[in-house]
């Protein structure tokens, strides 16, 4: 953080962001044995508020739907990326020109064994029930970042199948899993990743290691502390396509797995990767607005090439940034403007 904190200081004003929040979660768990939910900081914005929550015997939000932004009128329901870390999309949500409330939908912790892993359909059933409890009738507005876009899409499918209207379904740089990629796209990505690794290997030969930087987590945690956190990834992206999502160690071979996280966060990450690995896309005839990060992602194929065969009624919009930076800073504000205009257009049409 930028400065020492008083008990009632606003953590965001003091410089809290998603990476700092995750480090706080790690350090607090290592010191106390209590794991804060990373979304705690959405609802509790000072140390005194967090302490009050802990005194009540809670470690974070308990409801599936978290109010990200208050408002009046029809709500917007949003899925974040990863393990429902809404701090990732906080700037985007704050920049929306939308008068209704914005609810973040947390992924349900199913806690099933690998051989009976939860699927996207399981999550959709839970989400629809919660959405209906907040907004009994449509039209509905849905948004999803990263794999959250898959969940928004499948919730839209379920609502329309039940006879409800979906006025807006937005997908933000949403990937598919390696197993579903067409082989020629997968092979092209593997070739490009191989080339990048060769360039990195050459750089390590000519640049002293002390000048290349270290991981943020390693800067603040001892080696003993790091050993208590989740293990690092084990595999190579080249072989991940051929692994079963129901294998006990499947998540550790995913290119997105970085390790170094607390127990509950790690369990949620494993569930997410199995959910993603088991998903297979299906054609969808409804209206979708698909926002693509122009600079792409180093571990995923181009989303439009993957999704176009399945989304026959989609609008494709390329935005500034890569998969991470599209929802940060100026890029987030530009993206929020495009989303807001399309939601407003849908309201007029309804």
Protein backbone atom coordinates (compact mmCIF):
# COMPACT_ATOMS: atom_id res chain seq x y z
CA UNK A 1 0.00 0.00 0.00
CA UNK A 2 1.05 3.59 -0.50
CA UNK A 3 1.24 4.53 3.20
CA UNK A 4 0.56 3.22 6.73
CA UNK A 5 -3.16 2.68 7.28
CA UNK A 6 -5.46 3.89 10.01
CA UNK A 7 -8.34 1.61 11.00
CA UNK A 8 -10.95 3.61 9.10
CA UNK A 9 -8.94 4.50 5.98
CA UNK A 10 -10.51 3.57 2.65
CA UNK A 11 -8.36 0.75 1.28
CA UNK A 12 -9.00 1.66 -2.35
CA UNK A 13 -8.02 5.28 -1.75
CA UNK A 14 -4.81 3.91 -0.21
CA UNK A 15 -3.99 2.01 -3.40
CA UNK A 16 -5.63 -1.41 -3.02
CA UNK A 17 -5.80 -3.40 -6.25
CA UNK A 18 -6.37 -7.05 -7.11
CA UNK A 19 -2.73 -8.12 -6.71
CA UNK A 20 -2.35 -6.35 -3.37
CA UNK A 21 -5.64 -7.82 -2.18
CA UNK A 22 -4.46 -11.36 -3.01
CA UNK A 23 -1.20 -10.72 -1.16
CA UNK A 24 -3.14 -9.49 1.88
CA UNK A 25 -5.23 -12.68 1.76
CA UNK A 26 -2.06 -14.80 1.62
CA UNK A 27 -0.29 -12.96 4.44
CA UNK A 28 -3.33 -12.91 6.73
CA UNK A 29 -3.87 -16.64 6.26
CA UNK A 30 -0.19 -17.38 6.97
CA UNK A 31 -0.31 -15.27 10.15
CA UNK A 32 -3.76 -16.18 11.47
CA UNK A 33 -4.95 -19.36 9.77
CA UNK A 34 -8.08 -17.46 8.63
CA UNK A 35 -8.57 -17.11 4.88
CA UNK A 36 -10.36 -13.97 3.79
CA UNK A 37 -12.48 -14.18 0.67
CA UNK A 38 -10.82 -11.85 -1.84
CA UNK A 39 -14.25 -10.26 -2.48
CA UNK A 40 -14.33 -9.13 1.14
CA UNK A 41 -12.79 -5.86 -0.02
CA UNK A 42 -15.77 -5.13 -2.28
CA UNK A 43 -18.10 -4.92 0.73
CA UNK A 44 -15.63 -4.02 3.52
CA UNK A 45 -13.43 -1.12 2.52
CA UNK A 46 -11.51 -0.44 5.73
CA UNK A 47 -9.56 -2.45 8.29
CA UNK A 48 -12.17 -1.71 10.96
CA UNK A 49 -14.98 -3.03 8.75
CA UNK A 50 -13.02 -6.23 8.06
CA UNK A 51 -12.27 -6.67 11.76
CA UNK A 52 -15.98 -6.25 12.54
CA UNK A 53 -16.83 -8.94 9.98
CA UNK A 54 -14.26 -11.33 11.48
CA UNK A 55 -15.70 -10.69 14.96
CA UNK A 56 -19.05 -11.91 13.60
CA UNK A 57 -17.37 -15.21 12.65
CA UNK A 58 -17.37 -14.54 8.89
CA UNK A 59 -14.48 -14.35 6.45
CA UNK A 60 -16.21 -12.83 3.44
CA UNK A 61 -19.46 -12.47 1.48
CA UNK A 62 -21.85 -15.38 1.86
CA UNK A 63 -24.41 -14.70 -0.88
CA UNK A 64 -23.93 -15.80 -4.46
CA UNK A 65 -24.86 -12.33 -5.74
CA UNK A 66 -22.70 -9.44 -4.54
CA UNK A 67 -23.84 -5.85 -5.06
CA UNK A 68 -20.98 -4.24 -7.00
CA UNK A 69 -22.73 -0.94 -7.62
CA UNK A 70 -26.00 0.39 -6.28
CA UNK A 71 -28.69 1.78 -8.55
CA UNK A 72 -32.38 1.88 -9.36
CA UNK A 73 -34.13 -0.03 -12.08
CA UNK A 74 -33.36 -3.25 -13.91
CA UNK A 75 -30.11 -4.88 -12.74
CA UNK A 76 -27.09 -5.97 -14.72
CA UNK A 77 -25.70 -9.38 -13.69
CA UNK A 78 -21.98 -9.86 -14.21
CA UNK A 79 -19.50 -12.71 -13.97
CA UNK A 80 -15.84 -11.89 -13.34
CA UNK A 81 -12.98 -13.96 -14.65
CA UNK A 82 -10.96 -16.54 -12.74
CA UNK A 83 -12.39 -17.56 -9.38
CA UNK A 84 -14.94 -14.72 -9.28
CA UNK A 85 -12.46 -11.98 -8.33
CA UNK A 86 -14.60 -8.89 -8.85
CA UNK A 87 -11.72 -6.55 -8.11
CA UNK A 88 -10.55 -7.41 -11.65
CA UNK A 89 -13.58 -5.67 -13.16
CA UNK A 90 -14.09 -2.97 -10.51
CA UNK A 91 -12.85 -0.14 -12.76
CA UNK A 92 -15.05 -1.38 -15.59
CA UNK A 93 -18.17 -1.52 -13.40
CA UNK A 94 -17.49 1.93 -11.93
CA UNK A 95 -17.11 3.37 -15.42
CA UNK A 96 -20.44 2.06 -16.75
CA UNK A 97 -23.06 4.66 -17.59
CA UNK A 98 -25.86 2.53 -16.19
CA UNK A 99 -28.48 3.60 -13.65
CA UNK A 100 -29.47 0.12 -12.48
CA UNK A 101 -27.72 -1.94 -9.82
CA UNK A 102 -24.84 -4.19 -10.90
CA UNK A 103 -24.63 -7.59 -9.22
CA UNK A 104 -21.60 -9.83 -9.38
CA UNK A 105 -22.41 -13.54 -9.56
CA UNK A 106 -19.92 -15.68 -7.67
CA UNK A 107 -19.31 -19.19 -8.91
CA UNK A 108 -20.92 -21.78 -6.65
CA UNK A 109 -18.43 -23.83 -4.59
CA UNK A 110 -19.65 -27.33 -5.41
CA UNK A 111 -16.72 -29.13 -3.75
CA UNK A 112 -17.20 -32.36 -5.66
CA UNK A 113 -14.52 -35.02 -6.23
CA UNK A 114 -12.67 -34.84 -9.60
CA UNK A 115 -14.55 -37.82 -11.03
CA UNK A 116 -17.87 -36.07 -10.41
CA UNK A 117 -16.76 -32.52 -11.15
CA UNK A 118 -19.36 -29.77 -11.51
CA UNK A 119 -20.24 -28.58 -15.00
CA UNK A 120 -21.29 -25.26 -16.49
CA UNK A 121 -24.90 -26.52 -16.49
CA UNK A 122 -24.68 -27.00 -12.70
CA UNK A 123 -23.50 -23.42 -12.26
CA UNK A 124 -26.19 -22.10 -14.60
CA UNK A 125 -28.98 -23.70 -12.57
CA UNK A 126 -27.69 -22.01 -9.41
CA UNK A 127 -27.27 -18.67 -11.16
CA UNK A 128 -30.73 -18.61 -12.74
CA UNK A 129 -32.35 -19.29 -9.37
CA UNK A 130 -30.50 -16.36 -7.78
CA UNK A 131 -31.18 -14.04 -10.73
CA UNK A 132 -34.89 -14.85 -10.55
CA UNK A 133 -34.93 -14.14 -6.81
CA UNK A 134 -33.57 -10.64 -7.51
CA UNK A 135 -35.41 -9.95 -10.78
CA UNK A 136 -38.42 -12.27 -11.21
CA UNK A 137 -39.14 -11.19 -14.82
CA UNK A 138 -37.10 -10.07 -17.81
CA UNK A 139 -35.75 -8.56 -19.86
CA UNK A 140 -32.39 -9.57 -18.41
CA UNK A 141 -28.94 -8.05 -18.89
CA UNK A 142 -25.84 -10.23 -18.56
CA UNK A 143 -22.11 -9.61 -18.81
CA UNK A 144 -19.11 -11.90 -18.41
CA UNK A 145 -15.36 -11.32 -18.48
CA UNK A 146 -12.94 -14.09 -19.52
CA UNK A 147 -14.48 -17.50 -18.75
CA UNK A 148 -17.28 -15.58 -17.04
CA UNK A 149 -18.46 -14.87 -20.59
CA UNK A 150 -19.22 -18.58 -21.05
CA UNK A 151 -21.33 -18.50 -17.89
CA UNK A 152 -23.18 -15.35 -19.02
CA UNK A 153 -23.84 -16.95 -22.42
CA UNK A 154 -25.17 -20.18 -20.93
CA UNK A 155 -27.33 -18.29 -18.40
CA UNK A 156 -28.78 -16.35 -21.36
CA UNK A 157 -29.48 -19.64 -23.13
CA UNK A 158 -31.27 -21.04 -20.07
CA UNK A 159 -33.36 -17.90 -19.56
CA UNK A 160 -34.46 -17.83 -23.19
CA UNK A 161 -35.27 -21.54 -23.10
CA UNK A 162 -37.61 -20.77 -20.19
CA UNK A 163 -39.37 -18.09 -22.27
CA UNK A 164 -37.61 -15.05 -20.80
CA UNK A 165 -36.21 -12.15 -22.81
CA UNK A 166 -32.49 -11.35 -22.72
CA UNK A 167 -31.97 -7.71 -23.70
CA UNK A 168 -28.17 -7.81 -23.51
CA UNK A 169 -25.52 -10.53 -23.31
CA UNK A 170 -21.94 -9.26 -23.35
CA UNK A 171 -18.85 -11.47 -23.50
CA UNK A 172 -15.45 -9.88 -22.82
CA UNK A 173 -12.46 -11.66 -24.38
CA UNK A 174 -13.93 -15.04 -23.50
CA UNK A 175 -11.73 -18.07 -24.24
CA UNK A 176 -12.57 -21.69 -24.80
CA UNK A 177 -10.61 -24.57 -23.33
CA UNK A 178 -7.75 -26.29 -25.18
CA UNK A 179 -9.85 -29.42 -25.70
CA UNK A 180 -12.45 -27.57 -27.80
CA UNK A 181 -10.08 -25.66 -30.08
CA UNK A 182 -9.92 -26.75 -33.74
CA UNK A 183 -6.63 -28.56 -34.25
CA UNK A 184 -5.17 -26.05 -36.75
CA UNK A 185 -5.75 -23.15 -34.34
CA UNK A 186 -4.26 -25.10 -31.44
CA UNK A 187 -1.20 -26.06 -33.50
CA UNK A 188 -0.66 -22.44 -34.58
CA UNK A 189 -0.78 -21.23 -30.98
CA UNK A 190 1.68 -23.92 -29.87
CA UNK A 191 4.10 -22.83 -32.61
CA UNK A 192 3.87 -19.17 -31.57
CA UNK A 193 4.34 -20.04 -27.88
CA UNK A 194 7.36 -22.14 -28.78
CA UNK A 195 8.89 -19.21 -30.64
CA UNK A 196 8.33 -16.90 -27.65
CA UNK A 197 10.03 -19.40 -25.34
CA UNK A 198 13.04 -19.58 -27.66
CA UNK A 199 13.31 -15.79 -27.59
CA UNK A 200 13.05 -15.80 -23.78
CA UNK A 201 15.74 -18.48 -23.53
CA UNK A 202 18.02 -16.36 -25.71
CA UNK A 203 17.34 -13.30 -23.55
CA UNK A 204 18.32 -15.23 -20.43
CA UNK A 205 21.64 -16.03 -22.06
CA UNK A 206 22.47 -12.39 -22.70
CA UNK A 207 20.74 -10.56 -19.80
CA UNK A 208 21.95 -11.09 -16.20
CA UNK A 209 19.29 -12.87 -14.14
CA UNK A 210 19.40 -10.14 -11.47
CA UNK A 211 18.04 -7.69 -14.07
CA UNK A 212 15.01 -9.78 -15.06
CA UNK A 213 12.82 -9.22 -12.01
CA UNK A 214 11.10 -11.63 -9.62
CA UNK A 215 7.54 -12.67 -8.90
CA UNK A 216 5.54 -10.27 -6.72
CA UNK A 217 4.63 -12.97 -4.24
CA UNK A 218 8.28 -13.91 -3.76
CA UNK A 219 9.09 -10.31 -2.86
CA UNK A 220 7.08 -10.41 0.35
CA UNK A 221 6.97 -14.07 1.43
CA UNK A 222 9.69 -16.29 2.83
CA UNK A 223 10.54 -19.62 1.21
CA UNK A 224 8.90 -21.40 4.16
CA UNK A 225 5.70 -19.39 3.66
CA UNK A 226 5.68 -20.12 -0.07
CA UNK A 227 5.92 -23.86 0.67
CA UNK A 228 2.69 -23.61 2.69
CA UNK A 229 0.80 -22.16 -0.26
CA UNK A 230 -0.44 -24.11 -3.30
CA UNK A 231 2.14 -25.75 -5.52
CA UNK A 232 3.28 -24.36 -8.83
CA UNK A 233 2.20 -25.71 -12.21
CA UNK A 234 3.64 -29.03 -13.30
CA UNK A 235 3.13 -29.40 -17.01
CA UNK A 236 3.58 -28.01 -20.46
CA UNK A 237 0.89 -26.33 -22.51
CA UNK A 238 1.71 -28.61 -25.44
CA UNK A 239 0.31 -31.67 -23.64
CA UNK A 240 -2.58 -30.07 -21.73
CA UNK A 241 -5.05 -30.59 -24.60
CA UNK A 242 -4.77 -34.36 -24.14
CA UNK A 243 -5.39 -34.53 -20.37
CA UNK A 244 -8.72 -35.44 -18.78
CA UNK A 245 -10.41 -32.69 -16.72
CA UNK A 246 -11.46 -35.41 -14.29
CA UNK A 247 -7.90 -36.51 -13.53
CA UNK A 248 -7.00 -35.56 -9.92
CA UNK A 249 -3.98 -33.48 -10.98
CA UNK A 250 -5.53 -31.92 -14.09
CA UNK A 251 -5.60 -28.30 -12.80
CA UNK A 252 -1.87 -28.26 -12.07
CA UNK A 253 -1.07 -28.78 -15.75
CA UNK A 254 -3.20 -25.86 -16.98
CA UNK A 255 -1.24 -22.98 -18.55
CA UNK A 256 -3.17 -20.57 -16.31
CA UNK A 257 -2.10 -22.31 -13.07
CA UNK A 258 0.48 -20.23 -11.18
CA UNK A 259 0.31 -21.64 -7.63
CA UNK A 260 1.20 -19.74 -4.48
CA UNK A 261 -2.37 -19.37 -3.26
CA UNK A 262 -4.34 -20.10 -0.10
CA UNK A 263 -6.37 -23.32 0.41
CA UNK A 264 -9.90 -22.13 -0.39
CA UNK A 265 -8.72 -19.99 -3.31
CA UNK A 266 -6.80 -23.00 -4.61
CA UNK A 267 -9.86 -25.25 -4.32
CA UNK A 268 -11.96 -22.72 -6.23
CA UNK A 269 -9.27 -22.53 -8.90
CA UNK A 270 -9.28 -26.30 -9.33
CA UNK A 271 -13.08 -26.33 -9.64
CA UNK A 272 -12.97 -23.54 -12.22
CA UNK A 273 -10.39 -25.30 -14.39
CA UNK A 274 -12.36 -28.57 -14.37
CA UNK A 275 -15.56 -26.65 -15.18
CA UNK A 276 -13.78 -24.96 -18.07
CA UNK A 277 -12.19 -28.20 -19.25
CA UNK A 278 -15.50 -30.08 -19.35
CA UNK A 279 -17.33 -27.34 -21.26
CA UNK A 280 -18.06 -27.80 -24.95
CA UNK A 281 -19.53 -24.87 -26.92
CA UNK A 282 -22.90 -25.18 -28.67
CA UNK A 283 -24.57 -22.97 -31.28
CA UNK A 284 -26.51 -20.04 -29.85
CA UNK A 285 -28.96 -18.06 -31.97
CA UNK A 286 -29.54 -15.17 -29.57
CA UNK A 287 -27.97 -11.74 -29.76
CA UNK A 288 -24.46 -11.48 -28.29
CA UNK A 289 -22.01 -8.59 -28.13
CA UNK A 290 -18.48 -9.97 -28.05
CA UNK A 291 -15.63 -7.65 -27.01
CA UNK A 292 -12.17 -8.86 -28.05
CA UNK A 293 -8.84 -7.67 -26.62
CA UNK A 294 -6.93 -6.54 -29.70
CA UNK A 295 -3.57 -7.58 -28.23
CA UNK A 296 -4.82 -11.05 -27.32
CA UNK A 297 -3.61 -13.52 -24.73
CA UNK A 298 -0.38 -15.57 -24.72
CA UNK A 299 -2.19 -18.77 -23.70
CA UNK A 300 -5.38 -18.60 -25.80
CA UNK A 301 -6.39 -18.59 -29.46
CA UNK A 302 -8.14 -15.62 -31.05
CA UNK A 303 -11.68 -15.63 -29.54
CA UNK A 304 -13.45 -14.64 -32.76
CA UNK A 305 -11.91 -17.56 -34.66
CA UNK A 306 -13.06 -19.92 -31.91
CA UNK A 307 -16.55 -18.56 -31.31
CA UNK A 308 -17.77 -17.38 -34.71
CA UNK A 309 -18.99 -20.88 -35.76
CA UNK A 310 -21.22 -20.97 -32.66
CA UNK A 311 -22.49 -17.38 -32.41
CA UNK A 312 -24.40 -16.64 -35.59
CA UNK A 313 -25.94 -13.43 -34.27
CA UNK A 314 -22.93 -11.84 -32.60
CA UNK A 315 -21.47 -8.36 -32.94
CA UNK A 316 -17.66 -8.49 -32.80
CA UNK A 317 -15.88 -5.47 -31.34
CA UNK A 318 -12.12 -5.22 -30.94
CA UNK A 319 -10.97 -3.09 -28.01
CA UNK A 320 -7.60 -1.78 -26.89
CA UNK A 321 -5.51 -3.91 -24.53
CA UNK A 322 -4.65 -7.53 -23.90
CA UNK A 323 -6.69 -10.08 -21.98
CA UNK A 324 -5.79 -8.47 -18.65
CA UNK A 325 -5.53 -4.79 -19.52
CA UNK A 326 -8.83 -4.58 -21.41
CA UNK A 327 -10.61 -4.12 -18.04
CA UNK A 328 -8.06 -1.75 -16.48
CA UNK A 329 -7.58 2.02 -16.57
CA UNK A 330 -8.32 3.89 -19.79
CA UNK A 331 -9.10 0.62 -21.59
CA UNK A 332 -11.76 -0.16 -18.98
CA UNK A 333 -13.35 3.24 -19.48
CA UNK A 334 -13.43 2.81 -23.26
CA UNK A 335 -14.93 -0.66 -22.89
CA UNK A 336 -17.48 0.61 -20.37
CA UNK A 337 -18.61 3.23 -22.88
CA UNK A 338 -19.20 0.60 -25.57
CA UNK A 339 -21.08 -1.66 -23.16
CA UNK A 340 -23.20 1.21 -21.84
CA UNK A 341 -24.23 2.29 -25.34
CA UNK A 342 -25.32 -1.21 -26.28
CA UNK A 343 -27.27 -1.76 -23.08
CA UNK A 344 -29.03 1.56 -23.67
CA UNK A 345 -29.83 0.57 -27.25
CA UNK A 346 -31.31 -2.68 -25.97
CA UNK A 347 -33.47 -0.81 -23.49
CA UNK A 348 -34.87 1.39 -26.26
CA UNK A 349 -35.57 -1.69 -28.39
CA UNK A 350 -37.37 -3.39 -25.51
